[in-house]
Amino acid sequence: MARNIDDIQRDIERTRRQLANTLDELAERGKPKNLVDDAKREATGKLQDPTVQKVLAGVGAVIVGGIIFAVVRSRKHKKDIQEVQRLLAARVV
């Protein structure tokens, strides 16, 4: 059965409107401000996940532990150097 020319024209117009709406939506999504807002929303959502919070707390604890270890080791190393200097100074005298 052949289609009526009016039906074909209505289909074409409907398709054009749908395409125009799709292009408008893509243009809106592609704006930098909207991309930033979407990224912020996603990051905020992930940071509210208890599993992510536990992982971040663990990573933070490891970093703090590493810093403390480095400071303690540095102080011990400094004391060792001072002790060697003291022994050498006592030996020279």
PDB file of N, CA and C in Angstrom:
ATOM      1  N   MET A   1       0.844  -1.177   0.000  1.00  0.00           N
ATOM      2  CA  MET A   1       0.000   0.000   0.000  1.00  0.00           C
ATOM      3  C   MET A   1       0.891   1.243   0.000  1.00  0.00           C
ATOM      4  N   ALA A   2       0.663   2.140  -0.903  1.00  0.00           N
ATOM      5  CA  ALA A   2       1.450   3.359  -1.047  1.00  0.00           C
ATOM      6  C   ALA A   2       1.075   4.349   0.050  1.00  0.00           C
ATOM      7  N   ARG A   3       2.061   5.084   0.483  1.00  0.00           N
ATOM      8  CA  ARG A   3       1.810   6.067   1.537  1.00  0.00           C
ATOM      9  C   ARG A   3       1.380   7.388   0.919  1.00  0.00           C
ATOM     10  N   ASN A   4       0.543   8.067   1.646  1.00  0.00           N
ATOM     11  CA  ASN A   4       0.032   9.366   1.244  1.00  0.00           C
ATOM     12  C   ASN A   4       1.161  10.398   1.395  1.00  0.00           C
ATOM     13  N   ILE A   5       1.247  11.345   0.490  1.00  0.00           N
ATOM     14  CA  ILE A   5       2.287  12.386   0.526  1.00  0.00           C
ATOM     15  C   ILE A   5       2.200  13.204   1.799  1.00  0.00           C
ATOM     16  N   ASP A   6       1.004  13.426   2.312  1.00  0.00           N
ATOM     17  CA  ASP A   6       0.831  14.187   3.558  1.00  0.00           C
ATOM     18  C   ASP A   6       1.431  13.412   4.737  1.00  0.00           C
ATOM     19  N   ASP A   7       1.249  12.094   4.759  1.00  0.00           N
ATOM     20  CA  ASP A   7       1.829  11.264   5.820  1.00  0.00           C
ATOM     21  C   ASP A   7       3.361  11.306   5.765  1.00  0.00           C
ATOM     22  N   ILE A   8       3.876  11.257   4.572  1.00  0.00           N
ATOM     23  CA  ILE A   8       5.331  11.308   4.401  1.00  0.00           C
ATOM     24  C   ILE A   8       5.875  12.644   4.888  1.00  0.00           C
ATOM     25  N   GLN A   9       5.204  13.735   4.532  1.00  0.00           N
ATOM     26  CA  GLN A   9       5.638  15.059   4.961  1.00  0.00           C
ATOM     27  C   GLN A   9       5.562  15.202   6.479  1.00  0.00           C
ATOM     28  N   ARG A  10       4.505  14.659   7.107  1.00  0.00           N
ATOM     29  CA  ARG A  10       4.386  14.697   8.569  1.00  0.00           C
ATOM     30  C   ARG A  10       5.521  13.906   9.218  1.00  0.00           C
ATOM     31  N   ASP A  11       5.854  12.748   8.646  1.00  0.00           N
ATOM     32  CA  ASP A  11       6.964  11.945   9.175  1.00  0.00           C
ATOM     33  C   ASP A  11       8.279  12.700   9.071  1.00  0.00           C
ATOM     34  N   ILE A  12       8.463  13.364   7.927  1.00  0.00           N
ATOM     35  CA  ILE A  12       9.696  14.133   7.737  1.00  0.00           C
ATOM     36  C   ILE A  12       9.771  15.270   8.751  1.00  0.00           C
ATOM     37  N   GLU A  13       8.705  15.982   8.970  1.00  0.00           N
ATOM     38  CA  GLU A  13       8.677  17.087   9.932  1.00  0.00           C
ATOM     39  C   GLU A  13       8.912  16.579  11.354  1.00  0.00           C
ATOM     40  N   ARG A  14       8.283  15.470  11.691  1.00  0.00           N
ATOM     41  CA  ARG A  14       8.465  14.881  13.030  1.00  0.00           C
ATOM     42  C   ARG A  14       9.935  14.478  13.227  1.00  0.00           C
ATOM     43  N   THR A  15      10.513  13.882  12.204  1.00  0.00           N
ATOM     44  CA  THR A  15      11.915  13.471  12.278  1.00  0.00           C
ATOM     45  C   THR A  15      12.823  14.687  12.406  1.00  0.00           C
ATOM     46  N   ARG A  16      12.519  15.753  11.682  1.00  0.00           N
ATOM     47  CA  ARG A  16      13.311  16.992  11.773  1.00  0.00           C
ATOM     48  C   ARG A  16      13.241  17.575  13.181  1.00  0.00           C
ATOM     49  N   ARG A  17      12.036  17.600  13.764  1.00  0.00           N
ATOM     50  CA  ARG A  17      11.876  18.122  15.124  1.00  0.00           C
ATOM     51  C   ARG A  17      12.668  17.280  16.118  1.00  0.00           C
ATOM     52  N   GLN A  18      12.583  15.968  15.966  1.00  0.00           N
ATOM     53  CA  GLN A  18      13.329  15.076  16.872  1.00  0.00           C
ATOM     54  C   GLN A  18      14.833  15.294  16.735  1.00  0.00           C
ATOM     55  N   LEU A  19      15.297  15.438  15.512  1.00  0.00           N
ATOM     56  CA  LEU A  19      16.718  15.680  15.268  1.00  0.00           C
ATOM     57  C   LEU A  19      17.143  17.026  15.863  1.00  0.00           C
ATOM     58  N   ALA A  20      16.315  18.052  15.678  1.00  0.00           N
ATOM     59  CA  ALA A  20      16.626  19.372  16.225  1.00  0.00           C
ATOM     60  C   ALA A  20      16.691  19.306  17.752  1.00  0.00           C
ATOM     61  N   ASN A  21      15.749  18.596  18.370  1.00  0.00           N
ATOM     62  CA  ASN A  21      15.747  18.451  19.828  1.00  0.00           C
ATOM     63  C   ASN A  21      16.996  17.707  20.299  1.00  0.00           C
ATOM     64  N   THR A  22      17.363  16.672  19.565  1.00  0.00           N
ATOM     65  CA  THR A  22      18.553  15.898  19.923  1.00  0.00           C
ATOM     66  C   THR A  22      19.802  16.762  19.817  1.00  0.00           C
ATOM     67  N   LEU A  23      19.918  17.543  18.751  1.00  0.00           N
ATOM     68  CA  LEU A  23      21.065  18.432  18.581  1.00  0.00           C
ATOM     69  C   LEU A  23      21.120  19.502  19.672  1.00  0.00           C
ATOM     70  N   ASP A  24      19.956  20.044  20.024  1.00  0.00           N
ATOM     71  CA  ASP A  24      19.908  21.041  21.103  1.00  0.00           C
ATOM     72  C   ASP A  24      20.363  20.418  22.427  1.00  0.00           C
ATOM     73  N   GLU A  25      19.910  19.211  22.691  1.00  0.00           N
ATOM     74  CA  GLU A  25      20.291  18.521  23.926  1.00  0.00           C
ATOM     75  C   GLU A  25      21.798  18.239  23.952  1.00  0.00           C
ATOM     76  N   LEU A  26      22.351  17.806  22.832  1.00  0.00           N
ATOM     77  CA  LEU A  26      23.794  17.548  22.755  1.00  0.00           C
ATOM     78  C   LEU A  26      24.595  18.834  22.942  1.00  0.00           C
ATOM     79  N   ALA A  27      24.127  19.914  22.349  1.00  0.00           N
ATOM     80  CA  ALA A  27      24.808  21.198  22.499  1.00  0.00           C
ATOM     81  C   ALA A  27      24.769  21.649  23.959  1.00  0.00           C
ATOM     82  N   GLU A  28      23.664  21.446  24.620  1.00  0.00           N
ATOM     83  CA  GLU A  28      23.522  21.826  26.032  1.00  0.00           C
ATOM     84  C   GLU A  28      24.438  20.988  26.914  1.00  0.00           C
ATOM     85  N   ARG A  29      24.494  19.698  26.656  1.00  0.00           N
ATOM     86  CA  ARG A  29      25.363  18.804  27.434  1.00  0.00           C
ATOM     87  C   ARG A  29      26.833  19.128  27.223  1.00  0.00           C
ATOM     88  N   GLY A  30      27.181  19.598  26.040  1.00  0.00           N
ATOM     89  CA  GLY A  30      28.574  19.847  25.692  1.00  0.00           C
ATOM     90  C   GLY A  30      29.124  21.167  26.192  1.00  0.00           C
ATOM     91  N   LYS A  31      28.291  22.008  26.794  1.00  0.00           N
ATOM     92  CA  LYS A  31      28.776  23.286  27.324  1.00  0.00           C
ATOM     93  C   LYS A  31      29.716  23.014  28.489  1.00  0.00           C
ATOM     94  N   PRO A  32      30.844  23.710  28.550  1.00  0.00           N
ATOM     95  CA  PRO A  32      31.824  23.476  29.625  1.00  0.00           C
ATOM     96  C   PRO A  32      31.233  23.584  31.028  1.00  0.00           C
ATOM     97  N   LYS A  33      30.371  24.574  31.250  1.00  0.00           N
ATOM     98  CA  LYS A  33      29.779  24.732  32.582  1.00  0.00           C
ATOM     99  C   LYS A  33      28.968  23.499  32.956  1.00  0.00           C
ATOM    100  N   ASN A  34      28.220  22.962  32.003  1.00  0.00           N
ATOM    101  CA  ASN A  34      27.409  21.779  32.283  1.00  0.00           C
ATOM    102  C   ASN A  34      28.293  20.556  32.512  1.00  0.00           C
ATOM    103  N   LEU A  35      29.390  20.461  31.766  1.00  0.00           N
ATOM    104  CA  LEU A  35      30.322  19.344  31.973  1.00  0.00           C
ATOM    105  C   LEU A  35      30.929  19.405  33.369  1.00  0.00           C
ATOM    106  N   VAL A  36      31.296  20.612  33.811  1.00  0.00           N
ATOM    107  CA  VAL A  36      31.862  20.782  35.156  1.00  0.00           C
ATOM    108  C   VAL A  36      30.824  20.439  36.213  1.00  0.00           C
ATOM    109  N   ASP A  37      29.600  20.913  36.024  1.00  0.00           N
ATOM    110  CA  ASP A  37      28.535  20.620  36.985  1.00  0.00           C
ATOM    111  C   ASP A  37      28.285  19.117  37.083  1.00  0.00           C
ATOM    112  N   ASP A  38      28.279  18.431  35.947  1.00  0.00           N
ATOM    113  CA  ASP A  38      28.080  16.983  35.951  1.00  0.00           C
ATOM    114  C   ASP A  38      29.224  16.277  36.679  1.00  0.00           C
ATOM    115  N   ALA A  39      30.446  16.727  36.443  1.00  0.00           N
ATOM    116  CA  ALA A  39      31.605  16.115  37.099  1.00  0.00           C
ATOM    117  C   ALA A  39      31.546  16.340  38.610  1.00  0.00           C
ATOM    118  N   LYS A  40      31.166  17.550  39.023  1.00  0.00           N
ATOM    119  CA  LYS A  40      31.033  17.837  40.456  1.00  0.00           C
ATOM    120  C   LYS A  40      29.975  16.952  41.090  1.00  0.00           C
ATOM    121  N   ARG A  41      28.855  16.818  40.413  1.00  0.00           N
ATOM    122  CA  ARG A  41      27.754  16.006  40.932  1.00  0.00           C
ATOM    123  C   ARG A  41      28.183  14.545  41.071  1.00  0.00           C
ATOM    124  N   GLU A  42      28.905  14.042  40.083  1.00  0.00           N
ATOM    125  CA  GLU A  42      29.392  12.658  40.136  1.00  0.00           C
ATOM    126  C   GLU A  42      30.395  12.469  41.258  1.00  0.00           C
ATOM    127  N   ALA A  43      31.343  13.415  41.379  1.00  0.00           N
ATOM    128  CA  ALA A  43      32.368  13.309  42.424  1.00  0.00           C
ATOM    129  C   ALA A  43      31.733  13.365  43.805  1.00  0.00           C
ATOM    130  N   THR A  44      30.780  14.261  43.994  1.00  0.00           N
ATOM    131  CA  THR A  44      30.097  14.373  45.279  1.00  0.00           C
ATOM    132  C   THR A  44      29.362  13.078  45.609  1.00  0.00           C
ATOM    133  N   GLY A  45      28.723  12.518  44.625  1.00  0.00           N
ATOM    134  CA  GLY A  45      28.017  11.256  44.834  1.00  0.00           C
ATOM    135  C   GLY A  45      28.962  10.132  45.224  1.00  0.00           C
ATOM    136  N   LYS A  46      30.113  10.065  44.559  1.00  0.00           N
ATOM    137  CA  LYS A  46      31.080   9.008  44.872  1.00  0.00           C
ATOM    138  C   LYS A  46      31.691   9.214  46.250  1.00  0.00           C
ATOM    139  N   LEU A  47      31.934  10.472  46.631  1.00  0.00           N
ATOM    140  CA  LEU A  47      32.530  10.743  47.936  1.00  0.00           C
ATOM    141  C   LEU A  47      31.565  10.423  49.079  1.00  0.00           C
ATOM    142  N   GLN A  48      30.286  10.354  48.794  1.00  0.00           N
ATOM    143  CA  GLN A  48      29.309  10.006  49.825  1.00  0.00           C
ATOM    144  C   GLN A  48      29.156   8.497  49.985  1.00  0.00           C
ATOM    145  N   ASP A  49      29.781   7.729  49.122  1.00  0.00           N
ATOM    146  CA  ASP A  49      29.749   6.265  49.203  1.00  0.00           C
ATOM    147  C   ASP A  49      30.625   5.822  50.371  1.00  0.00           C
ATOM    148  N   PRO A  50      30.083   5.046  51.327  1.00  0.00           N
ATOM    149  CA  PRO A  50      30.862   4.616  52.494  1.00  0.00           C
ATOM    150  C   PRO A  50      32.131   3.844  52.130  1.00  0.00           C
ATOM    151  N   THR A  51      32.090   3.052  51.082  1.00  0.00           N
ATOM    152  CA  THR A  51      33.275   2.294  50.676  1.00  0.00           C
ATOM    153  C   THR A  51      34.383   3.239  50.233  1.00  0.00           C
ATOM    154  N   VAL A  52      34.033   4.246  49.456  1.00  0.00           N
ATOM    155  CA  VAL A  52      35.018   5.224  48.994  1.00  0.00           C
ATOM    156  C   VAL A  52      35.578   5.995  50.188  1.00  0.00           C
ATOM    157  N   GLN A  53      34.730   6.339  51.138  1.00  0.00           N
ATOM    158  CA  GLN A  53      35.190   7.052  52.324  1.00  0.00           C
ATOM    159  C   GLN A  53      36.197   6.212  53.110  1.00  0.00           C
ATOM    160  N   LYS A  54      35.938   4.914  53.238  1.00  0.00           N
ATOM    161  CA  LYS A  54      36.860   4.032  53.955  1.00  0.00           C
ATOM    162  C   LYS A  54      38.199   3.942  53.226  1.00  0.00           C
ATOM    163  N   VAL A  55      38.150   3.824  51.918  1.00  0.00           N
ATOM    164  CA  VAL A  55      39.389   3.749  51.133  1.00  0.00           C
ATOM    165  C   VAL A  55      40.187   5.042  51.283  1.00  0.00           C
ATOM    166  N   LEU A  56      39.521   6.178  51.174  1.00  0.00           N
ATOM    167  CA  LEU A  56      40.208   7.464  51.318  1.00  0.00           C
ATOM    168  C   LEU A  56      40.787   7.632  52.720  1.00  0.00           C
ATOM    169  N   ALA A  57      40.064   7.180  53.740  1.00  0.00           N
ATOM    170  CA  ALA A  57      40.582   7.244  55.109  1.00  0.00           C
ATOM    171  C   ALA A  57      41.825   6.369  55.233  1.00  0.00           C
ATOM    172  N   GLY A  58      41.804   5.195  54.632  1.00  0.00           N
ATOM    173  CA  GLY A  58      42.967   4.309  54.665  1.00  0.00           C
ATOM    174  C   GLY A  58      44.162   4.926  53.964  1.00  0.00           C
ATOM    175  N   VAL A  59      43.930   5.517  52.811  1.00  0.00           N
ATOM    176  CA  VAL A  59      45.012   6.167  52.073  1.00  0.00           C
ATOM    177  C   VAL A  59      45.571   7.330  52.895  1.00  0.00           C
ATOM    178  N   GLY A  60      44.694   8.105  53.508  1.00  0.00           N
ATOM    179  CA  GLY A  60      45.137   9.213  54.355  1.00  0.00           C
ATOM    180  C   GLY A  60      45.969   8.718  55.533  1.00  0.00           C
ATOM    181  N   ALA A  61      45.537   7.609  56.154  1.00  0.00           N
ATOM    182  CA  ALA A  61      46.285   7.051  57.282  1.00  0.00           C
ATOM    183  C   ALA A  61      47.673   6.588  56.841  1.00  0.00           C
ATOM    184  N   VAL A  62      47.750   5.965  55.680  1.00  0.00           N
ATOM    185  CA  VAL A  62      49.048   5.506  55.167  1.00  0.00           C
ATOM    186  C   VAL A  62      49.968   6.703  54.900  1.00  0.00           C
ATOM    187  N   ILE A  63      49.441   7.758  54.327  1.00  0.00           N
ATOM    188  CA  ILE A  63      50.249   8.952  54.043  1.00  0.00           C
ATOM    189  C   ILE A  63      50.745   9.584  55.340  1.00  0.00           C
ATOM    190  N   VAL A  64      49.851   9.738  56.311  1.00  0.00           N
ATOM    191  CA  VAL A  64      50.250  10.315  57.600  1.00  0.00           C
ATOM    192  C   VAL A  64      51.294   9.427  58.265  1.00  0.00           C
ATOM    193  N   GLY A  65      51.085   8.104  58.219  1.00  0.00           N
ATOM    194  CA  GLY A  65      52.061   7.182  58.789  1.00  0.00           C
ATOM    195  C   GLY A  65      53.411   7.304  58.111  1.00  0.00           C
ATOM    196  N   GLY A  66      53.416   7.445  56.812  1.00  0.00           N
ATOM    197  CA  GLY A  66      54.662   7.609  56.073  1.00  0.00           C
ATOM    198  C   GLY A  66      55.383   8.889  56.446  1.00  0.00           C
ATOM    199  N   ILE A  67      54.631   9.956  56.614  1.00  0.00           N
ATOM    200  CA  ILE A  67      55.233  11.236  57.008  1.00  0.00           C
ATOM    201  C   ILE A  67      55.841  11.118  58.403  1.00  0.00           C
ATOM    202  N   ILE A  68      55.100  10.519  59.329  1.00  0.00           N
ATOM    203  CA  ILE A  68      55.617  10.341  60.692  1.00  0.00           C
ATOM    204  C   ILE A  68      56.878   9.485  60.675  1.00  0.00           C
ATOM    205  N   PHE A  69      56.858   8.406  59.918  1.00  0.00           N
ATOM    206  CA  PHE A  69      58.026   7.531  59.814  1.00  0.00           C
ATOM    207  C   PHE A  69      59.235   8.294  59.282  1.00  0.00           C
ATOM    208  N   ALA A  70      59.019   9.110  58.247  1.00  0.00           N
ATOM    209  CA  ALA A  70      60.116   9.877  57.654  1.00  0.00           C
ATOM    210  C   ALA A  70      60.684  10.884  58.647  1.00  0.00           C
ATOM    211  N   VAL A  71      59.819  11.546  59.414  1.00  0.00           N
ATOM    212  CA  VAL A  71      60.287  12.532  60.394  1.00  0.00           C
ATOM    213  C   VAL A  71      61.087  11.839  61.493  1.00  0.00           C
ATOM    214  N   VAL A  72      60.576  10.723  62.010  1.00  0.00           N
ATOM    215  CA  VAL A  72      61.277   9.987  63.069  1.00  0.00           C
ATOM    216  C   VAL A  72      62.624   9.493  62.560  1.00  0.00           C
ATOM    217  N   ARG A  73      62.631   8.955  61.367  1.00  0.00           N
ATOM    218  CA  ARG A  73      63.880   8.443  60.788  1.00  0.00           C
ATOM    219  C   ARG A  73      64.884   9.578  60.584  1.00  0.00           C
ATOM    220  N   SER A  74      64.402  10.716  60.128  1.00  0.00           N
ATOM    221  CA  SER A  74      65.277  11.870  59.910  1.00  0.00           C
ATOM    222  C   SER A  74      65.885  12.342  61.229  1.00  0.00           C
ATOM    223  N   ARG A  75      65.080  12.378  62.278  1.00  0.00           N
ATOM    224  CA  ARG A  75      65.585  12.803  63.588  1.00  0.00           C
ATOM    225  C   ARG A  75      66.625  11.813  64.114  1.00  0.00           C
ATOM    226  N   LYS A  76      66.339  10.525  63.936  1.00  0.00           N
ATOM    227  CA  LYS A  76      67.285   9.496  64.380  1.00  0.00           C
ATOM    228  C   LYS A  76      68.594   9.627  63.606  1.00  0.00           C
ATOM    229  N   HIS A  77      68.488   9.830  62.310  1.00  0.00           N
ATOM    230  CA  HIS A  77      69.668  10.004  61.466  1.00  0.00           C
ATOM    231  C   HIS A  77      70.471  11.228  61.922  1.00  0.00           C
ATOM    232  N   LYS A  78      69.786  12.306  62.237  1.00  0.00           N
ATOM    233  CA  LYS A  78      70.449  13.527  62.694  1.00  0.00           C
ATOM    234  C   LYS A  78      71.168  13.273  64.020  1.00  0.00           C
ATOM    235  N   LYS A  79      70.513  12.533  64.928  1.00  0.00           N
ATOM    236  CA  LYS A  79      71.144  12.214  66.213  1.00  0.00           C
ATOM    237  C   LYS A  79      72.372  11.328  66.004  1.00  0.00           C
ATOM    238  N   ASP A  80      72.266  10.381  65.080  1.00  0.00           N
ATOM    239  CA  ASP A  80      73.411   9.509  64.789  1.00  0.00           C
ATOM    240  C   ASP A  80      74.594  10.323  64.267  1.00  0.00           C
ATOM    241  N   ILE A  81      74.337  11.276  63.393  1.00  0.00           N
ATOM    242  CA  ILE A  81      75.394  12.118  62.847  1.00  0.00           C
ATOM    243  C   ILE A  81      76.031  12.957  63.958  1.00  0.00           C
ATOM    244  N   GLN A  82      75.201  13.505  64.832  1.00  0.00           N
ATOM    245  CA  GLN A  82      75.721  14.297  65.943  1.00  0.00           C
ATOM    246  C   GLN A  82      76.589  13.437  66.869  1.00  0.00           C
ATOM    247  N   GLU A  83      76.169  12.210  67.090  1.00  0.00           N
ATOM    248  CA  GLU A  83      76.944  11.297  67.941  1.00  0.00           C
ATOM    249  C   GLU A  83      78.296  10.982  67.309  1.00  0.00           C
ATOM    250  N   VAL A  84      78.315  10.728  65.993  1.00  0.00           N
ATOM    251  CA  VAL A  84      79.574  10.459  65.295  1.00  0.00           C
ATOM    252  C   VAL A  84      80.470  11.695  65.364  1.00  0.00           C
ATOM    253  N   GLN A  85      79.902  12.877  65.169  1.00  0.00           N
ATOM    254  CA  GLN A  85      80.684  14.105  65.254  1.00  0.00           C
ATOM    255  C   GLN A  85      81.266  14.288  66.659  1.00  0.00           C
ATOM    256  N   ARG A  86      80.459  13.979  67.682  1.00  0.00           N
ATOM    257  CA  ARG A  86      80.920  14.104  69.065  1.00  0.00           C
ATOM    258  C   ARG A  86      82.069  13.146  69.330  1.00  0.00           C
ATOM    259  N   LEU A  87      81.941  11.892  68.847  1.00  0.00           N
ATOM    260  CA  LEU A  87      82.994  10.900  69.059  1.00  0.00           C
ATOM    261  C   LEU A  87      84.269  11.304  68.339  1.00  0.00           C
ATOM    262  N   LEU A  88      84.122  11.812  67.127  1.00  0.00           N
ATOM    263  CA  LEU A  88      85.306  12.236  66.375  1.00  0.00           C
ATOM    264  C   LEU A  88      85.970  13.440  67.045  1.00  0.00           C
ATOM    265  N   ALA A  89      85.190  14.352  67.558  1.00  0.00           N
ATOM    266  CA  ALA A  89      85.727  15.534  68.232  1.00  0.00           C
ATOM    267  C   ALA A  89      86.442  15.113  69.509  1.00  0.00           C
ATOM    268  N   ALA A  90      85.932  14.130  70.234  1.00  0.00           N
ATOM    269  CA  ALA A  90      86.534  13.660  71.473  1.00  0.00           C
ATOM    270  C   ALA A  90      87.826  12.911  71.170  1.00  0.00           C
ATOM    271  N   ARG A  91      87.893  12.266  70.081  1.00  0.00           N
ATOM    272  CA  ARG A  91      89.072  11.483  69.697  1.00  0.00           C
ATOM    273  C   ARG A  91      90.231  12.392  69.287  1.00  0.00           C
ATOM    274  N   VAL A  92      89.901  13.509  68.654  1.00  0.00           N
ATOM    275  CA  VAL A  92      90.904  14.435  68.182  1.00  0.00           C
ATOM    276  C   VAL A  92      91.570  15.142  69.356  1.00  0.00           C
ATOM    277  N   VAL A  93      90.835  15.430  70.378  1.00  0.00           N
ATOM    278  CA  VAL A  93      91.354  16.201  71.514  1.00  0.00           C
ATOM    279  C   VAL A  93      92.313  15.429  72.318  1.00  0.00           C
TER     280      VAL A  93
END
